[in-house]
Amino acid sequence: MRLEGRCVLLRVFIGESDHYGGKPLYQAILEKARALGLSGGTVFKGMLGFGAHSKIHTAKILRLSEDLPVVVEIVDTEENVGKILPFLDAVIKEGLITKEAANVVFYRPDGPKG
């Protein structure tokens, strides 16, 4: 699949300790995106953050177990991004989803031409 022009950036804000189907939720989201044929996705782990409950989550050396913030980003067409929204609605118990316009300059899944 080749993307260019107007697309959508989907961001899913969840916690590192969130799970679905016996695996981390961020992994389940990426696997679902892949199964639906979306162009790709990336998971980012935050070092510090807070959410609706205003509790600070931080990565400190002395703490072994933290619920650090995680962001899953997916860029694809509006139509393709719409395919994963029902799944996200079903599996995210606490989190935030944003969707915004993204202008894709180029996406080369097969590598550069030439």
PDB file of N, CA and C in Angstrom:
ATOM      1  N   MET A   1       0.833  -1.170   0.000  1.00  0.00           N
ATOM      2  CA  MET A   1       0.000   0.000   0.000  1.00  0.00           C
ATOM      3  C   MET A   1       0.882   1.238   0.000  1.00  0.00           C
ATOM      4  N   ARG A   2       0.518   2.202  -0.810  1.00  0.00           N
ATOM      5  CA  ARG A   2       1.241   3.461  -0.858  1.00  0.00           C
ATOM      6  C   ARG A   2       0.318   4.568  -0.372  1.00  0.00           C
ATOM      7  N   LEU A   3       0.808   5.409   0.504  1.00  0.00           N
ATOM      8  CA  LEU A   3       0.035   6.525   1.024  1.00  0.00           C
ATOM      9  C   LEU A   3       0.657   7.826   0.585  1.00  0.00           C
ATOM     10  N   GLU A   4      -0.190   8.798   0.300  1.00  0.00           N
ATOM     11  CA  GLU A   4       0.274  10.151   0.088  1.00  0.00           C
ATOM     12  C   GLU A   4      -0.917  11.074   0.197  1.00  0.00           C
ATOM     13  N   GLY A   5      -0.649  12.328   0.496  1.00  0.00           N
ATOM     14  CA  GLY A   5      -1.734  13.291   0.625  1.00  0.00           C
ATOM     15  C   GLY A   5      -2.401  13.247   1.983  1.00  0.00           C
ATOM     16  N   ARG A   6      -3.685  13.530   1.968  1.00  0.00           N
ATOM     17  CA  ARG A   6      -4.441  13.661   3.217  1.00  0.00           C
ATOM     18  C   ARG A   6      -4.745  12.300   3.839  1.00  0.00           C
ATOM     19  N   CYS A   7      -4.301  12.125   5.069  1.00  0.00           N
ATOM     20  CA  CYS A   7      -4.541  10.900   5.832  1.00  0.00           C
ATOM     21  C   CYS A   7      -4.950  11.287   7.249  1.00  0.00           C
ATOM     22  N   VAL A   8      -4.974  10.311   8.134  1.00  0.00           N
ATOM     23  CA  VAL A   8      -5.366  10.529   9.520  1.00  0.00           C
ATOM     24  C   VAL A   8      -4.295   9.955  10.438  1.00  0.00           C
ATOM     25  N   LEU A   9      -3.980  10.700  11.492  1.00  0.00           N
ATOM     26  CA  LEU A   9      -3.087  10.224  12.545  1.00  0.00           C
ATOM     27  C   LEU A   9      -3.964   9.856  13.734  1.00  0.00           C
ATOM     28  N   LEU A  10      -3.945   8.590  14.093  1.00  0.00           N
ATOM     29  CA  LEU A  10      -4.696   8.094  15.235  1.00  0.00           C
ATOM     30  C   LEU A  10      -3.716   7.889  16.378  1.00  0.00           C
ATOM     31  N   ARG A  11      -4.018   8.467  17.537  1.00  0.00           N
ATOM     32  CA  ARG A  11      -3.184   8.278  18.726  1.00  0.00           C
ATOM     33  C   ARG A  11      -4.035   7.647  19.819  1.00  0.00           C
ATOM     34  N   VAL A  12      -3.504   6.596  20.417  1.00  0.00           N
ATOM     35  CA  VAL A  12      -4.184   5.890  21.492  1.00  0.00           C
ATOM     36  C   VAL A  12      -3.308   5.999  22.737  1.00  0.00           C
ATOM     37  N   PHE A  13      -3.821   6.664  23.763  1.00  0.00           N
ATOM     38  CA  PHE A  13      -3.103   6.859  25.019  1.00  0.00           C
ATOM     39  C   PHE A  13      -3.635   5.857  26.037  1.00  0.00           C
ATOM     40  N   ILE A  14      -2.781   4.951  26.479  1.00  0.00           N
ATOM     41  CA  ILE A  14      -3.156   3.923  27.440  1.00  0.00           C
ATOM     42  C   ILE A  14      -2.031   3.767  28.463  1.00  0.00           C
ATOM     43  N   GLY A  15      -2.189   2.829  29.376  1.00  0.00           N
ATOM     44  CA  GLY A  15      -1.155   2.551  30.367  1.00  0.00           C
ATOM     45  C   GLY A  15      -0.395   1.285  30.018  1.00  0.00           C
ATOM     46  N   GLU A  16       0.837   1.251  30.431  1.00  0.00           N
ATOM     47  CA  GLU A  16       1.704   0.095  30.174  1.00  0.00           C
ATOM     48  C   GLU A  16       1.139  -1.192  30.783  1.00  0.00           C
ATOM     49  N   SER A  17       0.409  -1.077  31.876  1.00  0.00           N
ATOM     50  CA  SER A  17      -0.108  -2.269  32.549  1.00  0.00           C
ATOM     51  C   SER A  17      -1.460  -2.736  31.992  1.00  0.00           C
ATOM     52  N   ASP A  18      -2.021  -2.020  31.032  1.00  0.00           N
ATOM     53  CA  ASP A  18      -3.294  -2.427  30.428  1.00  0.00           C
ATOM     54  C   ASP A  18      -3.090  -3.679  29.583  1.00  0.00           C
ATOM     55  N   HIS A  19      -4.000  -4.636  29.749  1.00  0.00           N
ATOM     56  CA  HIS A  19      -3.901  -5.905  29.015  1.00  0.00           C
ATOM     57  C   HIS A  19      -5.219  -6.252  28.336  1.00  0.00           C
ATOM     58  N   TYR A  20      -5.110  -7.083  27.311  1.00  0.00           N
ATOM     59  CA  TYR A  20      -6.284  -7.605  26.617  1.00  0.00           C
ATOM     60  C   TYR A  20      -5.905  -8.975  26.046  1.00  0.00           C
ATOM     61  N   GLY A  21      -6.714  -9.968  26.324  1.00  0.00           N
ATOM     62  CA  GLY A  21      -6.458 -11.301  25.787  1.00  0.00           C
ATOM     63  C   GLY A  21      -5.144 -11.899  26.232  1.00  0.00           C
ATOM     64  N   GLY A  22      -4.712 -11.599  27.450  1.00  0.00           N
ATOM     65  CA  GLY A  22      -3.481 -12.179  27.979  1.00  0.00           C
ATOM     66  C   GLY A  22      -2.195 -11.553  27.482  1.00  0.00           C
ATOM     67  N   LYS A  23      -2.285 -10.406  26.811  1.00  0.00           N
ATOM     68  CA  LYS A  23      -1.081  -9.727  26.323  1.00  0.00           C
ATOM     69  C   LYS A  23      -1.222  -8.231  26.558  1.00  0.00           C
ATOM     70  N   PRO A  24      -0.122  -7.499  26.479  1.00  0.00           N
ATOM     71  CA  PRO A  24      -0.223  -6.049  26.645  1.00  0.00           C
ATOM     72  C   PRO A  24      -1.207  -5.460  25.625  1.00  0.00           C
ATOM     73  N   LEU A  25      -2.003  -4.501  26.067  1.00  0.00           N
ATOM     74  CA  LEU A  25      -3.010  -3.902  25.193  1.00  0.00           C
ATOM     75  C   LEU A  25      -2.379  -3.258  23.973  1.00  0.00           C
ATOM     76  N   TYR A  26      -1.229  -2.588  24.140  1.00  0.00           N
ATOM     77  CA  TYR A  26      -0.585  -1.961  22.990  1.00  0.00           C
ATOM     78  C   TYR A  26      -0.223  -2.995  21.924  1.00  0.00           C
ATOM     79  N   GLN A  27       0.183  -4.177  22.340  1.00  0.00           N
ATOM     80  CA  GLN A  27       0.507  -5.253  21.394  1.00  0.00           C
ATOM     81  C   GLN A  27      -0.764  -5.742  20.696  1.00  0.00           C
ATOM     82  N   ALA A  28      -1.845  -5.909  21.453  1.00  0.00           N
ATOM     83  CA  ALA A  28      -3.115  -6.346  20.872  1.00  0.00           C
ATOM     84  C   ALA A  28      -3.623  -5.340  19.843  1.00  0.00           C
ATOM     85  N   ILE A  29      -3.430  -4.046  20.118  1.00  0.00           N
ATOM     86  CA  ILE A  29      -3.866  -3.009  19.181  1.00  0.00           C
ATOM     87  C   ILE A  29      -3.071  -3.092  17.885  1.00  0.00           C
ATOM     88  N   LEU A  30      -1.748  -3.235  17.988  1.00  0.00           N
ATOM     89  CA  LEU A  30      -0.933  -3.334  16.773  1.00  0.00           C
ATOM     90  C   LEU A  30      -1.252  -4.595  15.981  1.00  0.00           C
ATOM     91  N   GLU A  31      -1.474  -5.699  16.670  1.00  0.00           N
ATOM     92  CA  GLU A  31      -1.813  -6.936  15.970  1.00  0.00           C
ATOM     93  C   GLU A  31      -3.151  -6.806  15.246  1.00  0.00           C
ATOM     94  N   LYS A  32      -4.120  -6.122  15.871  1.00  0.00           N
ATOM     95  CA  LYS A  32      -5.415  -5.907  15.224  1.00  0.00           C
ATOM     96  C   LYS A  32      -5.260  -4.985  14.023  1.00  0.00           C
ATOM     97  N   ALA A  33      -4.464  -3.933  14.156  1.00  0.00           N
ATOM     98  CA  ALA A  33      -4.225  -3.011  13.041  1.00  0.00           C
ATOM     99  C   ALA A  33      -3.603  -3.760  11.863  1.00  0.00           C
ATOM    100  N   ARG A  34      -2.672  -4.633  12.148  1.00  0.00           N
ATOM    101  CA  ARG A  34      -2.026  -5.430  11.090  1.00  0.00           C
ATOM    102  C   ARG A  34      -3.028  -6.372  10.430  1.00  0.00           C
ATOM    103  N   ALA A  35      -3.856  -7.031  11.244  1.00  0.00           N
ATOM    104  CA  ALA A  35      -4.857  -7.960  10.714  1.00  0.00           C
ATOM    105  C   ALA A  35      -5.880  -7.238   9.836  1.00  0.00           C
ATOM    106  N   LEU A  36      -6.148  -5.966  10.157  1.00  0.00           N
ATOM    107  CA  LEU A  36      -7.104  -5.185   9.369  1.00  0.00           C
ATOM    108  C   LEU A  36      -6.477  -4.568   8.121  1.00  0.00           C
ATOM    109  N   GLY A  37      -5.171  -4.743   7.959  1.00  0.00           N
ATOM    110  CA  GLY A  37      -4.495  -4.229   6.768  1.00  0.00           C
ATOM    111  C   GLY A  37      -4.118  -2.766   6.835  1.00  0.00           C
ATOM    112  N   LEU A  38      -4.048  -2.195   8.046  1.00  0.00           N
ATOM    113  CA  LEU A  38      -3.628  -0.806   8.160  1.00  0.00           C
ATOM    114  C   LEU A  38      -2.152  -0.681   7.796  1.00  0.00           C
ATOM    115  N   SER A  39      -1.744   0.536   7.450  1.00  0.00           N
ATOM    116  CA  SER A  39      -0.404   0.737   6.888  1.00  0.00           C
ATOM    117  C   SER A  39       0.723   0.479   7.875  1.00  0.00           C
ATOM    118  N   GLY A  40       0.485   0.649   9.165  1.00  0.00           N
ATOM    119  CA  GLY A  40       1.529   0.408  10.150  1.00  0.00           C
ATOM    120  C   GLY A  40       1.223   1.126  11.437  1.00  0.00           C
ATOM    121  N   GLY A  41       2.011   0.871  12.440  1.00  0.00           N
ATOM    122  CA  GLY A  41       1.813   1.511  13.728  1.00  0.00           C
ATOM    123  C   GLY A  41       3.095   1.493  14.533  1.00  0.00           C
ATOM    124  N   THR A  42       3.146   2.373  15.514  1.00  0.00           N
ATOM    125  CA  THR A  42       4.313   2.479  16.381  1.00  0.00           C
ATOM    126  C   THR A  42       3.850   2.673  17.814  1.00  0.00           C
ATOM    127  N   VAL A  43       4.574   2.078  18.755  1.00  0.00           N
ATOM    128  CA  VAL A  43       4.273   2.232  20.172  1.00  0.00           C
ATOM    129  C   VAL A  43       5.395   3.049  20.813  1.00  0.00           C
ATOM    130  N   PHE A  44       5.003   4.074  21.567  1.00  0.00           N
ATOM    131  CA  PHE A  44       5.947   4.903  22.305  1.00  0.00           C
ATOM    132  C   PHE A  44       5.671   4.746  23.793  1.00  0.00           C
ATOM    133  N   LYS A  45       6.733   4.565  24.577  1.00  0.00           N
ATOM    134  CA  LYS A  45       6.605   4.454  26.025  1.00  0.00           C
ATOM    135  C   LYS A  45       7.067   5.762  26.652  1.00  0.00           C
ATOM    136  N   GLY A  46       6.203   6.335  27.473  1.00  0.00           N
ATOM    137  CA  GLY A  46       6.515   7.597  28.126  1.00  0.00           C
ATOM    138  C   GLY A  46       7.322   7.409  29.385  1.00  0.00           C
ATOM    139  N   MET A  47       8.046   8.439  29.756  1.00  0.00           N
ATOM    140  CA  MET A  47       8.848   8.422  30.973  1.00  0.00           C
ATOM    141  C   MET A  47       8.092   9.023  32.142  1.00  0.00           C
ATOM    142  N   LEU A  48       7.100   9.876  31.834  1.00  0.00           N
ATOM    143  CA  LEU A  48       6.376  10.581  32.865  1.00  0.00           C
ATOM    144  C   LEU A  48       5.045  11.020  32.293  1.00  0.00           C
ATOM    145  N   GLY A  49       3.996  10.920  33.078  1.00  0.00           N
ATOM    146  CA  GLY A  49       2.703  11.372  32.596  1.00  0.00           C
ATOM    147  C   GLY A  49       1.631  11.260  33.655  1.00  0.00           C
ATOM    148  N   PHE A  50       0.467  11.857  33.354  1.00  0.00           N
ATOM    149  CA  PHE A  50      -0.702  11.685  34.212  1.00  0.00           C
ATOM    150  C   PHE A  50      -1.933  11.736  33.333  1.00  0.00           C
ATOM    151  N   GLY A  51      -3.007  11.170  33.846  1.00  0.00           N
ATOM    152  CA  GLY A  51      -4.239  11.097  33.087  1.00  0.00           C
ATOM    153  C   GLY A  51      -5.415  11.632  33.867  1.00  0.00           C
ATOM    154  N   ALA A  52      -6.578  11.047  33.641  1.00  0.00           N
ATOM    155  CA  ALA A  52      -7.834  11.535  34.197  1.00  0.00           C
ATOM    156  C   ALA A  52      -7.841  11.566  35.724  1.00  0.00           C
ATOM    157  N   HIS A  53      -7.107  10.669  36.357  1.00  0.00           N
ATOM    158  CA  HIS A  53      -7.100  10.610  37.820  1.00  0.00           C
ATOM    159  C   HIS A  53      -6.015  11.504  38.441  1.00  0.00           C
ATOM    160  N   SER A  54      -5.259  12.198  37.597  1.00  0.00           N
ATOM    161  CA  SER A  54      -4.195  13.123  38.017  1.00  0.00           C
ATOM    162  C   SER A  54      -3.085  12.464  38.817  1.00  0.00           C
ATOM    163  N   LYS A  55      -2.956  11.151  38.733  1.00  0.00           N
ATOM    164  CA  LYS A  55      -1.860  10.451  39.408  1.00  0.00           C
ATOM    165  C   LYS A  55      -0.632  10.477  38.486  1.00  0.00           C
ATOM    166  N   ILE A  56       0.493  10.906  39.030  1.00  0.00           N
ATOM    167  CA  ILE A  56       1.731  10.955  38.249  1.00  0.00           C
ATOM    168  C   ILE A  56       2.295   9.548  38.108  1.00  0.00           C
ATOM    169  N   HIS A  57       2.608   9.156  36.896  1.00  0.00           N
ATOM    170  CA  HIS A  57       3.269   7.882  36.604  1.00  0.00           C
ATOM    171  C   HIS A  57       4.672   8.235  36.117  1.00  0.00           C
ATOM    172  N   THR A  58       5.669   7.648  36.763  1.00  0.00           N
ATOM    173  CA  THR A  58       7.042   8.011  36.442  1.00  0.00           C
ATOM    174  C   THR A  58       7.945   6.781  36.402  1.00  0.00           C
ATOM    175  N   ALA A  59       9.022   6.886  35.648  1.00  0.00           N
ATOM    176  CA  ALA A  59      10.026   5.818  35.573  1.00  0.00           C
ATOM    177  C   ALA A  59      11.182   6.200  36.496  1.00  0.00           C
ATOM    178  N   LYS A  60      11.149   5.708  37.712  1.00  0.00           N
ATOM    179  CA  LYS A  60      12.221   5.968  38.667  1.00  0.00           C
ATOM    180  C   LYS A  60      12.983   4.680  38.909  1.00  0.00           C
ATOM    181  N   ILE A  61      14.266   4.799  39.094  1.00  0.00           N
ATOM    182  CA  ILE A  61      15.131   3.636  39.266  1.00  0.00           C
ATOM    183  C   ILE A  61      14.708   2.782  40.454  1.00  0.00           C
ATOM    184  N   LEU A  62      14.258   3.406  41.538  1.00  0.00           N
ATOM    185  CA  LEU A  62      13.915   2.664  42.743  1.00  0.00           C
ATOM    186  C   LEU A  62      12.595   1.900  42.647  1.00  0.00           C
ATOM    187  N   ARG A  63      11.794   2.218  41.653  1.00  0.00           N
ATOM    188  CA  ARG A  63      10.508   1.544  41.505  1.00  0.00           C
ATOM    189  C   ARG A  63      10.608   0.523  40.372  1.00  0.00           C
ATOM    190  N   LEU A  64      10.259  -0.710  40.676  1.00  0.00           N
ATOM    191  CA  LEU A  64      10.382  -1.765  39.676  1.00  0.00           C
ATOM    192  C   LEU A  64       9.131  -1.907  38.821  1.00  0.00           C
ATOM    193  N   SER A  65       7.973  -1.575  39.358  1.00  0.00           N
ATOM    194  CA  SER A  65       6.731  -1.768  38.633  1.00  0.00           C
ATOM    195  C   SER A  65       5.976  -0.452  38.535  1.00  0.00           C
ATOM    196  N   GLU A  66       5.792   0.048  37.348  1.00  0.00           N
ATOM    197  CA  GLU A  66       5.077   1.296  37.119  1.00  0.00           C
ATOM    198  C   GLU A  66       4.094   1.120  35.975  1.00  0.00           C
ATOM    199  N   ASP A  67       3.048   1.902  36.003  1.00  0.00           N
ATOM    200  CA  ASP A  67       2.085   1.930  34.912  1.00  0.00           C
ATOM    201  C   ASP A  67       2.395   3.146  34.056  1.00  0.00           C
ATOM    202  N   LEU A  68       3.490   3.056  33.324  1.00  0.00           N
ATOM    203  CA  LEU A  68       3.931   4.196  32.526  1.00  0.00           C
ATOM    204  C   LEU A  68       2.995   4.448  31.353  1.00  0.00           C
ATOM    205  N   PRO A  69       2.939   5.704  30.897  1.00  0.00           N
ATOM    206  CA  PRO A  69       2.084   6.008  29.756  1.00  0.00           C
ATOM    207  C   PRO A  69       2.626   5.378  28.476  1.00  0.00           C
ATOM    208  N   VAL A  70       1.713   4.930  27.635  1.00  0.00           N
ATOM    209  CA  VAL A  70       2.053   4.342  26.336  1.00  0.00           C
ATOM    210  C   VAL A  70       1.167   5.001  25.285  1.00  0.00           C
ATOM    211  N   VAL A  71       1.765   5.344  24.143  1.00  0.00           N
ATOM    212  CA  VAL A  71       1.012   5.920  23.027  1.00  0.00           C
ATOM    213  C   VAL A  71       1.207   5.030  21.812  1.00  0.00           C
ATOM    214  N   VAL A  72       0.102   4.630  21.206  1.00  0.00           N
ATOM    215  CA  VAL A  72       0.136   3.875  19.950  1.00  0.00           C
ATOM    216  C   VAL A  72      -0.265   4.850  18.857  1.00  0.00           C
ATOM    217  N   GLU A  73       0.558   4.974  17.814  1.00  0.00           N
ATOM    218  CA  GLU A  73       0.249   5.850  16.694  1.00  0.00           C
ATOM    219  C   GLU A  73       0.074   5.038  15.424  1.00  0.00           C
ATOM    220  N   ILE A  74      -0.965   5.384  14.679  1.00  0.00           N
ATOM    221  CA  ILE A  74      -1.241   4.746  13.397  1.00  0.00           C
ATOM    222  C   ILE A  74      -1.580   5.854  12.403  1.00  0.00           C
ATOM    223  N   VAL A  75      -0.982   5.820  11.226  1.00  0.00           N
ATOM    224  CA  VAL A  75      -1.308   6.767  10.162  1.00  0.00           C
ATOM    225  C   VAL A  75      -1.835   5.976   8.976  1.00  0.00           C
ATOM    226  N   ASP A  76      -3.023   6.354   8.519  1.00  0.00           N
ATOM    227  CA  ASP A  76      -3.630   5.678   7.367  1.00  0.00           C
ATOM    228  C   ASP A  76      -4.755   6.561   6.850  1.00  0.00           C
ATOM    229  N   THR A  77      -5.501   6.053   5.902  1.00  0.00           N
ATOM    230  CA  THR A  77      -6.645   6.797   5.381  1.00  0.00           C
ATOM    231  C   THR A  77      -7.753   6.844   6.424  1.00  0.00           C
ATOM    232  N   GLU A  78      -8.644   7.791   6.282  1.00  0.00           N
ATOM    233  CA  GLU A  78      -9.799   7.903   7.190  1.00  0.00           C
ATOM    234  C   GLU A  78     -10.595   6.604   7.195  1.00  0.00           C
ATOM    235  N   GLU A  79     -10.796   6.034   6.043  1.00  0.00           N
ATOM    236  CA  GLU A  79     -11.556   4.786   5.927  1.00  0.00           C
ATOM    237  C   GLU A  79     -10.887   3.640   6.683  1.00  0.00           C
ATOM    238  N   ASN A  80      -9.581   3.482   6.504  1.00  0.00           N
ATOM    239  CA  ASN A  80      -8.871   2.389   7.173  1.00  0.00           C
ATOM    240  C   ASN A  80      -8.798   2.590   8.682  1.00  0.00           C
ATOM    241  N   VAL A  81      -8.570   3.808   9.125  1.00  0.00           N
ATOM    242  CA  VAL A  81      -8.526   4.084  10.556  1.00  0.00           C
ATOM    243  C   VAL A  81      -9.892   3.782  11.181  1.00  0.00           C
ATOM    244  N   GLY A  82     -10.953   4.057  10.448  1.00  0.00           N
ATOM    245  CA  GLY A  82     -12.296   3.765  10.945  1.00  0.00           C
ATOM    246  C   GLY A  82     -12.535   2.293  11.222  1.00  0.00           C
ATOM    247  N   LYS A  83     -11.791   1.421  10.563  1.00  0.00           N
ATOM    248  CA  LYS A  83     -11.957  -0.023  10.754  1.00  0.00           C
ATOM    249  C   LYS A  83     -11.558  -0.488  12.149  1.00  0.00           C
ATOM    250  N   ILE A  84     -10.612   0.202  12.774  1.00  0.00           N
ATOM    251  CA  ILE A  84     -10.111  -0.254  14.075  1.00  0.00           C
ATOM    252  C   ILE A  84     -10.848   0.395  15.250  1.00  0.00           C
ATOM    253  N   LEU A  85     -11.617   1.435  15.001  1.00  0.00           N
ATOM    254  CA  LEU A  85     -12.284   2.144  16.090  1.00  0.00           C
ATOM    255  C   LEU A  85     -13.241   1.272  16.904  1.00  0.00           C
ATOM    256  N   PRO A  86     -14.061   0.400  16.292  1.00  0.00           N
ATOM    257  CA  PRO A  86     -14.927  -0.459  17.118  1.00  0.00           C
ATOM    258  C   PRO A  86     -14.131  -1.382  18.049  1.00  0.00           C
ATOM    259  N   PHE A  87     -13.008  -1.890  17.574  1.00  0.00           N
ATOM    260  CA  PHE A  87     -12.145  -2.726  18.415  1.00  0.00           C
ATOM    261  C   PHE A  87     -11.616  -1.923  19.592  1.00  0.00           C
ATOM    262  N   LEU A  88     -11.129  -0.713  19.321  1.00  0.00           N
ATOM    263  CA  LEU A  88     -10.592   0.128  20.392  1.00  0.00           C
ATOM    264  C   LEU A  88     -11.669   0.461  21.421  1.00  0.00           C
ATOM    265  N   ASP A  89     -12.866   0.742  20.952  1.00  0.00           N
ATOM    266  CA  ASP A  89     -13.970   1.047  21.855  1.00  0.00           C
ATOM    267  C   ASP A  89     -14.265  -0.132  22.776  1.00  0.00           C
ATOM    268  N   ALA A  90     -14.109  -1.329  22.265  1.00  0.00           N
ATOM    269  CA  ALA A  90     -14.405  -2.537  23.044  1.00  0.00           C
ATOM    270  C   ALA A  90     -13.306  -2.887  24.046  1.00  0.00           C
ATOM    271  N   VAL A  91     -12.043  -2.577  23.733  1.00  0.00           N
ATOM    272  CA  VAL A  91     -10.939  -3.069  24.572  1.00  0.00           C
ATOM    273  C   VAL A  91     -10.336  -2.020  25.499  1.00  0.00           C
ATOM    274  N   ILE A  92     -10.559  -0.754  25.242  1.00  0.00           N
ATOM    275  CA  ILE A  92      -9.965   0.284  26.085  1.00  0.00           C
ATOM    276  C   ILE A  92     -10.944   0.651  27.186  1.00  0.00           C
ATOM    277  N   LYS A  93     -10.580   0.307  28.403  1.00  0.00           N
ATOM    278  CA  LYS A  93     -11.417   0.605  29.563  1.00  0.00           C
ATOM    279  C   LYS A  93     -11.130   1.999  30.104  1.00  0.00           C
ATOM    280  N   GLU A  94      -9.879   2.422  30.013  1.00  0.00           N
ATOM    281  CA  GLU A  94      -9.466   3.732  30.486  1.00  0.00           C
ATOM    282  C   GLU A  94      -8.370   4.229  29.564  1.00  0.00           C
ATOM    283  N   GLY A  95      -8.558   5.386  28.966  1.00  0.00           N
ATOM    284  CA  GLY A  95      -7.560   5.920  28.055  1.00  0.00           C
ATOM    285  C   GLY A  95      -8.134   7.057  27.241  1.00  0.00           C
ATOM    286  N   LEU A  96      -7.402   7.451  26.227  1.00  0.00           N
ATOM    287  CA  LEU A  96      -7.793   8.558  25.367  1.00  0.00           C
ATOM    288  C   LEU A  96      -7.425   8.214  23.937  1.00  0.00           C
ATOM    289  N   ILE A  97      -8.309   8.540  23.010  1.00  0.00           N
ATOM    290  CA  ILE A  97      -8.024   8.345  21.592  1.00  0.00           C
ATOM    291  C   ILE A  97      -8.201   9.690  20.905  1.00  0.00           C
ATOM    292  N   THR A  98      -7.204  10.088  20.106  1.00  0.00           N
ATOM    293  CA  THR A  98      -7.329  11.304  19.311  1.00  0.00           C
ATOM    294  C   THR A  98      -7.159  10.953  17.847  1.00  0.00           C
ATOM    295  N   LYS A  99      -7.762  11.776  17.016  1.00  0.00           N
ATOM    296  CA  LYS A  99      -7.674  11.584  15.565  1.00  0.00           C
ATOM    297  C   LYS A  99      -7.496  12.962  14.961  1.00  0.00           C
ATOM    298  N   GLU A 100      -6.472  13.103  14.134  1.00  0.00           N
ATOM    299  CA  GLU A 100      -6.224  14.406  13.519  1.00  0.00           C
ATOM    300  C   GLU A 100      -5.739  14.241  12.097  1.00  0.00           C
ATOM    301  N   ALA A 101      -5.892  15.303  11.336  1.00  0.00           N
ATOM    302  CA  ALA A 101      -5.453  15.284   9.945  1.00  0.00           C
ATOM    303  C   ALA A 101      -3.934  15.183   9.882  1.00  0.00           C
ATOM    304  N   ALA A 102      -3.457  14.436   8.926  1.00  0.00           N
ATOM    305  CA  ALA A 102      -2.014  14.301   8.688  1.00  0.00           C
ATOM    306  C   ALA A 102      -1.776  14.351   7.190  1.00  0.00           C
ATOM    307  N   ASN A 103      -0.840  15.157   6.777  1.00  0.00           N
ATOM    308  CA  ASN A 103      -0.475  15.217   5.366  1.00  0.00           C
ATOM    309  C   ASN A 103       0.751  14.352   5.151  1.00  0.00           C
ATOM    310  N   VAL A 104       0.563  13.233   4.488  1.00  0.00           N
ATOM    311  CA  VAL A 104       1.660  12.302   4.236  1.00  0.00           C
ATOM    312  C   VAL A 104       2.438  12.790   3.027  1.00  0.00           C
ATOM    313  N   VAL A 105       3.727  13.000   3.210  1.00  0.00           N
ATOM    314  CA  VAL A 105       4.593  13.438   2.117  1.00  0.00           C
ATOM    315  C   VAL A 105       4.928  12.244   1.235  1.00  0.00           C
ATOM    316  N   PHE A 106       5.400  11.177   1.836  1.00  0.00           N
ATOM    317  CA  PHE A 106       5.574   9.921   1.123  1.00  0.00           C
ATOM    318  C   PHE A 106       5.664   8.776   2.095  1.00  0.00           C
ATOM    319  N   TYR A 107       5.251   7.630   1.627  1.00  0.00           N
ATOM    320  CA  TYR A 107       5.325   6.389   2.400  1.00  0.00           C
ATOM    321  C   TYR A 107       5.790   5.339   1.429  1.00  0.00           C
ATOM    322  N   ARG A 108       6.955   4.786   1.670  1.00  0.00           N
ATOM    323  CA  ARG A 108       7.575   3.867   0.727  1.00  0.00           C
ATOM    324  C   ARG A 108       7.781   2.498   1.348  1.00  0.00           C
ATOM    325  N   PRO A 109       6.742   1.667   1.369  1.00  0.00           N
ATOM    326  CA  PRO A 109       6.907   0.348   1.966  1.00  0.00           C
ATOM    327  C   PRO A 109       7.840  -0.554   1.173  1.00  0.00           C
ATOM    328  N   ASP A 110       8.044  -0.259  -0.107  1.00  0.00           N
ATOM    329  CA  ASP A 110       8.916  -1.072  -0.946  1.00  0.00           C
ATOM    330  C   ASP A 110      10.296  -0.457  -1.118  1.00  0.00           C
ATOM    331  N   GLY A 111      10.571   0.632  -0.423  1.00  0.00           N
ATOM    332  CA  GLY A 111      11.867   1.298  -0.538  1.00  0.00           C
ATOM    333  C   GLY A 111      11.842   2.362  -1.615  1.00  0.00           C
ATOM    334  N   PRO A 112      12.893   3.177  -1.670  1.00  0.00           N
ATOM    335  CA  PRO A 112      12.938   4.255  -2.650  1.00  0.00           C
ATOM    336  C   PRO A 112      13.055   3.740  -4.082  1.00  0.00           C
ATOM    337  N   LYS A 113      12.476   4.490  -4.979  1.00  0.00           N
ATOM    338  CA  LYS A 113      12.532   4.134  -6.403  1.00  0.00           C
ATOM    339  C   LYS A 113      13.852   4.624  -6.983  1.00  0.00           C
ATOM    340  N   GLY A 114      14.316   3.915  -7.994  1.00  0.00           N
ATOM    341  CA  GLY A 114      15.482   4.429  -8.680  1.00  0.00           C
ATOM    342  C   GLY A 114      16.616   3.522  -8.751  1.00  0.00           C
TER     343      GLY A 114
END
